[in-house]
Structure formats: C-alpha cells, structure tokens
Amino acid sequence: MTVKKINIKFISPIMTVFLPGETICDSDDNIKGHGTQIVGKEIVSSYFGPSKIINKLVTVLPHMNYRYTLRGRRCRSWTC
C-alpha cells in the first residue's frame, strides 16, 4: 500500500491567522471549505481567522462570531 503525499504549498507557513483575500494554499489537490473561495488556482481566505486543514478540506474559522449590522449603531431608527 502506498501513501500519497498531499502537496500543500503555504505562502507563509509562519502565519496562522489569515486576512480576507490572502492565499492559503494551491487548489490542485485541496477542496475549499467554509470561509474560503477559489481564485485562479489558489484557495483564498474570505474570513479573518485561523485556517484549518483536515485531510484535503481547507477551512477558515471566523475570529469573531458576529458581523457588522446597523443594529450595533446608536440611533433610534433603522434608517440611520
């Protein structure tokens, strides 16, 4: 039985947290998961957070569990 090596070429192996738009790895043998998108032949982060690679699935966990909405602003109406 032969074991196939997964070829993951990190642009920056030291960095564990990725910004939106940063390249995580090549998309040749990997599958994009939650928080990622394919741009050209690379898997790119669409969230700010650490990446997690399980087998061939590449995901980015969001650093914060909330997103910006108008409810967070201090105003009395929904139109501001």
C-alpha atoms as a PDB file:
ATOM      1  CA  MET A   1       0.000   0.000   0.000  1.00  0.00           C
ATOM      2  CA  THR A   2       1.407   3.363  -0.998  1.00  0.00           C
ATOM      3  CA  VAL A   3       0.577   6.577   0.781  1.00  0.00           C
ATOM      4  CA  LYS A   4       0.029   9.632  -1.399  1.00  0.00           C
ATOM      5  CA  LYS A   5       1.522  12.850  -0.068  1.00  0.00           C
ATOM      6  CA  ILE A   6      -0.703  15.914  -0.032  1.00  0.00           C
ATOM      7  CA  ASN A   7       1.142  18.790  -1.668  1.00  0.00           C
ATOM      8  CA  ILE A   8       0.244  21.939   0.246  1.00  0.00           C
ATOM      9  CA  LYS A   9       2.361  24.951  -0.582  1.00  0.00           C
ATOM     10  CA  PHE A  10       1.824  27.654   2.002  1.00  0.00           C
ATOM     11  CA  ILE A  11       2.757  31.179   1.035  1.00  0.00           C
ATOM     12  CA  SER A  12       3.575  31.985   4.664  1.00  0.00           C
ATOM     13  CA  PRO A  13       3.822  28.901   6.892  1.00  0.00           C
ATOM     14  CA  ILE A  14       4.576  31.018   9.987  1.00  0.00           C
ATOM     15  CA  MET A  15       1.296  32.927   9.824  1.00  0.00           C
ATOM     16  CA  THR A  16      -1.640  31.123  11.401  1.00  0.00           C
ATOM     17  CA  VAL A  17      -4.264  33.875  11.002  1.00  0.00           C
ATOM     18  CA  PHE A  18      -5.308  34.899   7.501  1.00  0.00           C
ATOM     19  CA  LEU A  19      -6.905  38.120   6.306  1.00  0.00           C
ATOM     20  CA  PRO A  20      -9.672  38.112   3.679  1.00  0.00           C
ATOM     21  CA  GLY A  21      -8.079  37.789   0.249  1.00  0.00           C
ATOM     22  CA  GLU A  22      -4.853  36.130   1.383  1.00  0.00           C
ATOM     23  CA  THR A  23      -3.737  32.913  -0.297  1.00  0.00           C
ATOM     24  CA  ILE A  24      -3.834  29.838   1.928  1.00  0.00           C
ATOM     25  CA  CYS A  25      -2.665  27.087  -0.464  1.00  0.00           C
ATOM     26  CA  ASP A  26      -2.935  25.731  -4.005  1.00  0.00           C
ATOM     27  CA  SER A  27      -6.260  24.292  -5.122  1.00  0.00           C
ATOM     28  CA  ASP A  28      -4.762  21.442  -7.161  1.00  0.00           C
ATOM     29  CA  ASP A  29      -5.373  18.648  -4.641  1.00  0.00           C
ATOM     30  CA  ASN A  30      -7.372  20.506  -1.979  1.00  0.00           C
ATOM     31  CA  ILE A  31     -11.081  21.214  -1.502  1.00  0.00           C
ATOM     32  CA  LYS A  32     -12.389  24.611  -0.453  1.00  0.00           C
ATOM     33  CA  GLY A  33     -14.471  24.684   2.686  1.00  0.00           C
ATOM     34  CA  HIS A  34     -16.240  27.238   4.872  1.00  0.00           C
ATOM     35  CA  GLY A  35     -14.592  30.654   4.800  1.00  0.00           C
ATOM     36  CA  THR A  36     -12.619  30.064   1.599  1.00  0.00           C
ATOM     37  CA  GLN A  37     -13.017  30.646  -2.116  1.00  0.00           C
ATOM     38  CA  ILE A  38     -11.085  29.645  -5.222  1.00  0.00           C
ATOM     39  CA  VAL A  39      -9.340  32.423  -7.139  1.00  0.00           C
ATOM     40  CA  GLY A  40      -7.421  31.145 -10.147  1.00  0.00           C
ATOM     41  CA  LYS A  41      -5.544  28.079  -8.933  1.00  0.00           C
ATOM     42  CA  GLU A  42      -5.347  29.142  -5.282  1.00  0.00           C
ATOM     43  CA  ILE A  43      -7.608  28.797  -2.266  1.00  0.00           C
ATOM     44  CA  VAL A  44      -8.103  32.238  -0.740  1.00  0.00           C
ATOM     45  CA  SER A  45      -9.495  33.195   2.669  1.00  0.00           C
ATOM     46  CA  SER A  46     -12.787  35.082   2.798  1.00  0.00           C
ATOM     47  CA  TYR A  47     -12.769  35.489   6.614  1.00  0.00           C
ATOM     48  CA  PHE A  48     -10.344  36.867   9.173  1.00  0.00           C
ATOM     49  CA  GLY A  49      -9.200  33.931  11.265  1.00  0.00           C
ATOM     50  CA  PRO A  50      -7.025  30.832  11.532  1.00  0.00           C
ATOM     51  CA  SER A  51      -7.039  28.195   8.816  1.00  0.00           C
ATOM     52  CA  LYS A  52      -7.702  24.533   9.493  1.00  0.00           C
ATOM     53  CA  ILE A  53      -6.803  21.740   7.068  1.00  0.00           C
ATOM     54  CA  ILE A  54      -8.380  18.333   7.647  1.00  0.00           C
ATOM     55  CA  ASN A  55      -7.370  15.730   5.047  1.00  0.00           C
ATOM     56  CA  LYS A  56      -7.967  17.770   1.849  1.00  0.00           C
ATOM     57  CA  LEU A  57     -10.610  20.167   3.202  1.00  0.00           C
ATOM     58  CA  VAL A  58      -9.350  23.723   3.821  1.00  0.00           C
ATOM     59  CA  THR A  59     -11.485  25.924   6.104  1.00  0.00           C
ATOM     60  CA  VAL A  60     -11.064  29.275   7.828  1.00  0.00           C
ATOM     61  CA  LEU A  61     -12.641  29.706  11.236  1.00  0.00           C
ATOM     62  CA  PRO A  62     -14.024  33.215  11.805  1.00  0.00           C
ATOM     63  CA  HIS A  63     -12.151  35.124  14.503  1.00  0.00           C
ATOM     64  CA  MET A  64     -15.335  36.827  15.730  1.00  0.00           C
ATOM     65  CA  ASN A  65     -18.777  35.252  15.874  1.00  0.00           C
ATOM     66  CA  TYR A  66     -20.701  38.366  14.924  1.00  0.00           C
ATOM     67  CA  ARG A  67     -20.887  40.555  11.872  1.00  0.00           C
ATOM     68  CA  TYR A  68     -21.439  44.270  11.460  1.00  0.00           C
ATOM     69  CA  THR A  69     -25.087  45.281  11.241  1.00  0.00           C
ATOM     70  CA  LEU A  70     -26.967  48.536  11.648  1.00  0.00           C
ATOM     71  CA  ARG A  71     -28.356  47.360  14.997  1.00  0.00           C
ATOM     72  CA  GLY A  72     -24.999  47.972  16.631  1.00  0.00           C
ATOM     73  CA  ARG A  73     -25.114  51.694  15.876  1.00  0.00           C
ATOM     74  CA  ARG A  74     -26.565  54.103  18.408  1.00  0.00           C
ATOM     75  CA  CYS A  75     -29.577  55.521  16.639  1.00  0.00           C
ATOM     76  CA  ARG A  76     -33.314  55.374  17.178  1.00  0.00           C
ATOM     77  CA  SER A  77     -34.427  54.454  13.687  1.00  0.00           C
ATOM     78  CA  TRP A  78     -33.383  51.734  11.232  1.00  0.00           C
ATOM     79  CA  THR A  79     -32.637  54.279   8.506  1.00  0.00           C
ATOM     80  CA  CYS A  80     -29.503  55.847  10.008  1.00  0.00           C
END
